[in-house]
């Protein structure tokens, strides 16, 4: 049987899985009726247990569902420009 804390952490993960955007610690705290500090502790415990939770400037996301962006730079040299290198 799951303890109250384990059930809360499961609910926290469910909230992150179902979110379409980062969820702030304050929002999670309000949803789960606990303090933000409890959320921070639960996030640490979930990470320790293997959950890939990422903290962004806008809130928490699961890395599996996080949209990441990368920036690539492509340099095109003409044969004349390559000679100058």
Protein backbone atom coordinates (compact mmCIF):
# COMPACT_ATOMS: atom_id res chain seq x y z
CA UNK A 1 0.00 0.00 0.00
CA UNK A 2 1.35 3.40 -1.00
CA UNK A 3 2.04 5.97 1.65
CA UNK A 4 0.56 9.46 1.44
CA UNK A 5 3.95 10.78 0.25
CA UNK A 6 4.27 8.11 -2.44
CA UNK A 7 0.74 8.83 -3.67
CA UNK A 8 1.55 12.56 -3.81
CA UNK A 9 4.73 11.91 -5.82
CA UNK A 10 2.75 9.72 -8.22
CA UNK A 11 0.23 12.55 -8.61
CA UNK A 12 3.08 14.99 -9.19
CA UNK A 13 4.43 12.82 -12.01
CA UNK A 14 0.93 12.51 -13.49
CA UNK A 15 0.58 16.29 -13.43
CA UNK A 16 3.87 16.71 -15.28
CA UNK A 17 2.98 14.00 -17.81
CA UNK A 18 -0.35 15.61 -18.63
CA UNK A 19 0.97 19.18 -18.83
CA UNK A 20 1.36 20.86 -22.20
CA UNK A 21 3.77 23.43 -20.79
CA UNK A 22 6.17 23.74 -17.85
CA UNK A 23 4.44 23.65 -14.47
CA UNK A 24 5.72 25.92 -11.71
CA UNK A 25 6.45 24.65 -8.24
CA UNK A 26 3.76 26.98 -6.94
CA UNK A 27 1.16 25.52 -9.29
CA UNK A 28 2.10 21.99 -8.28
CA UNK A 29 1.98 22.96 -4.61
CA UNK A 30 -1.52 24.42 -5.01
CA UNK A 31 -2.75 21.41 -6.97
CA UNK A 32 -1.40 18.95 -4.40
CA UNK A 33 -2.23 21.09 -1.34
CA UNK A 34 1.34 21.18 -0.01
CA UNK A 35 4.07 23.80 0.28
CA UNK A 36 6.43 24.60 -2.57
CA UNK A 37 9.28 23.24 -0.43
CA UNK A 38 7.56 19.84 -0.33
CA UNK A 39 7.39 19.94 -4.14
CA UNK A 40 11.13 20.71 -4.32
CA UNK A 41 11.86 17.77 -2.00
CA UNK A 42 9.55 15.47 -3.96
CA UNK A 43 11.20 16.48 -7.25
CA UNK A 44 14.61 15.62 -5.73
CA UNK A 45 13.34 12.22 -4.57
CA UNK A 46 11.75 11.49 -7.95
CA UNK A 47 14.98 12.41 -9.74
CA UNK A 48 16.92 10.15 -7.37
CA UNK A 49 14.49 7.36 -8.28
CA UNK A 50 15.19 7.90 -11.99
CA UNK A 51 12.56 10.39 -13.15
CA UNK A 52 14.02 12.73 -15.76
CA UNK A 53 12.51 15.97 -14.47
CA UNK A 54 13.99 19.18 -15.82
CA UNK A 55 13.68 22.55 -14.10
CA UNK A 56 13.26 25.41 -16.55
CA UNK A 57 12.79 29.10 -15.93
CA UNK A 58 9.05 28.56 -16.42
CA UNK A 59 8.65 25.44 -14.30
CA UNK A 60 9.18 21.70 -14.27
CA UNK A 61 8.84 19.36 -17.23
CA UNK A 62 9.53 15.70 -17.84
CA UNK A 63 12.45 15.45 -20.26
CA UNK A 64 10.54 12.83 -22.25
CA UNK A 65 7.84 15.39 -23.00
CA UNK A 66 10.01 18.49 -23.02
CA UNK A 67 10.38 20.11 -26.38
CA UNK A 68 13.97 21.06 -26.85
CA UNK A 69 15.31 23.31 -29.49
CA UNK A 70 18.73 23.26 -30.98
CA UNK A 71 20.41 25.81 -33.12
CA UNK A 72 22.72 24.81 -35.91
CA UNK A 73 24.99 26.99 -37.95
CA UNK A 74 25.97 25.95 -41.41
CA UNK A 75 28.88 27.67 -43.08
CA UNK A 76 29.14 27.55 -46.83
CA UNK A 77 32.53 28.36 -48.31
CA UNK A 78 33.17 28.92 -51.96
CA UNK A 79 36.41 27.58 -53.37
CA UNK A 80 37.81 31.15 -53.42
CA UNK A 81 36.95 31.71 -49.74
CA UNK A 82 38.44 28.35 -48.76
CA UNK A 83 41.77 29.41 -50.25
CA UNK A 84 41.87 32.33 -47.78
CA UNK A 85 41.63 29.99 -44.78
